[in-house]
């Protein structure tokens, strides 16, 4: 499997964990879903795995592509952090 394909699959895997957040339900149910359905530990572990994979194979990436992937992973990490904060907010409101 090509390096970029593997990286794309790993990023997609992290997104699938985070996409259990349902925007179609009411705001209070959304917070409850966030607290109940998403294991942030899994998402964070996936992001760490992606970063380790990328750093291990850094010399094999096209440098511009590596920077783009780094931005993607940073955005995912920030999203995890924001969702984790929302999760604690949701648990505090129950």
Protein backbone atom coordinates (compact mmCIF):
# COMPACT_ATOMS: atom_id res chain seq x y z
CA UNK A 1 0.00 0.00 0.00
CA UNK A 2 1.26 3.45 -0.89
CA UNK A 3 2.38 5.70 1.96
CA UNK A 4 -0.14 8.45 1.20
CA UNK A 5 -3.01 5.94 0.94
CA UNK A 6 -2.08 4.52 4.35
CA UNK A 7 -1.96 8.04 5.84
CA UNK A 8 -5.35 8.89 4.29
CA UNK A 9 -6.87 5.70 5.73
CA UNK A 10 -5.52 6.49 9.19
CA UNK A 11 -6.92 10.04 9.06
CA UNK A 12 -10.28 8.67 7.87
CA UNK A 13 -10.27 6.26 10.81
CA UNK A 14 -9.83 9.13 13.27
CA UNK A 15 -12.61 11.08 11.55
CA UNK A 16 -14.99 8.10 11.77
CA UNK A 17 -14.53 8.03 15.54
CA UNK A 18 -15.31 11.74 15.79
CA UNK A 19 -18.26 11.66 13.37
CA UNK A 20 -20.47 9.83 15.85
CA UNK A 21 -21.41 13.34 16.97
CA UNK A 22 -24.95 13.80 15.59
CA UNK A 23 -25.74 17.36 14.51
CA UNK A 24 -29.35 16.52 13.61
CA UNK A 25 -30.65 16.11 17.16
CA UNK A 26 -31.46 18.85 19.66
CA UNK A 27 -28.61 20.61 21.41
CA UNK A 28 -29.16 18.89 24.77
CA UNK A 29 -29.33 15.46 23.13
CA UNK A 30 -26.24 16.35 21.11
CA UNK A 31 -24.27 16.93 24.30
CA UNK A 32 -25.57 13.65 25.75
CA UNK A 33 -24.60 11.80 22.56
CA UNK A 34 -21.16 13.33 22.80
CA UNK A 35 -20.77 12.16 26.37
CA UNK A 36 -22.15 8.68 25.65
CA UNK A 37 -21.00 7.73 22.17
CA UNK A 38 -17.54 9.12 21.57
CA UNK A 39 -14.54 7.67 23.31
CA UNK A 40 -12.09 10.54 23.03
CA UNK A 41 -9.29 8.23 24.17
CA UNK A 42 -9.71 6.21 20.97
CA UNK A 43 -9.58 9.35 18.84
CA UNK A 44 -6.50 10.69 20.63
CA UNK A 45 -4.77 7.29 20.36
CA UNK A 46 -5.50 7.28 16.62
CA UNK A 47 -4.00 10.76 16.22
CA UNK A 48 -0.88 9.73 18.13
CA UNK A 49 -0.61 6.64 15.92
CA UNK A 50 -0.87 8.81 12.78
CA UNK A 51 1.80 11.22 14.03
CA UNK A 52 4.16 8.38 14.91
CA UNK A 53 3.61 6.77 11.51
CA UNK A 54 4.25 10.05 9.71
CA UNK A 55 7.40 10.83 11.69
CA UNK A 56 8.75 7.32 11.19
CA UNK A 57 8.27 7.61 7.42
CA UNK A 58 9.01 11.33 7.11
CA UNK A 59 11.85 10.94 4.61
CA UNK A 60 9.58 9.02 2.22
CA UNK A 61 6.93 11.77 1.97
CA UNK A 62 6.96 14.55 -0.57
CA UNK A 63 7.83 17.54 1.66
CA UNK A 64 4.81 19.64 0.59
CA UNK A 65 2.49 16.68 1.13
CA UNK A 66 4.03 16.07 4.56
CA UNK A 67 3.21 19.65 5.58
CA UNK A 68 -0.37 19.22 4.40
CA UNK A 69 -0.76 15.99 6.39
CA UNK A 70 0.74 17.71 9.45
CA UNK A 71 -1.93 20.41 9.14
CA UNK A 72 -4.66 17.75 8.87
CA UNK A 73 -3.43 15.97 11.97
CA UNK A 74 -3.12 19.25 13.90
CA UNK A 75 -6.72 20.10 12.96
CA UNK A 76 -7.86 16.66 14.14
CA UNK A 77 -6.00 17.13 17.42
CA UNK A 78 -7.65 20.53 17.93
CA UNK A 79 -11.04 19.03 17.11
CA UNK A 80 -10.46 16.28 19.69
CA UNK A 81 -9.53 18.89 22.27
CA UNK A 82 -12.65 20.97 21.53
CA UNK A 83 -14.91 17.91 21.60
CA UNK A 84 -13.34 16.72 24.84
CA UNK A 85 -14.10 20.11 26.41
CA UNK A 86 -17.68 19.86 25.13
CA UNK A 87 -17.93 16.35 26.58
CA UNK A 88 -16.98 17.58 30.05
CA UNK A 89 -19.44 20.45 29.66
CA UNK A 90 -22.15 17.95 28.71
CA UNK A 91 -21.40 15.71 31.68
CA UNK A 92 -21.49 18.71 34.03
CA UNK A 93 -24.95 19.68 32.76
CA UNK A 94 -26.50 16.22 33.30
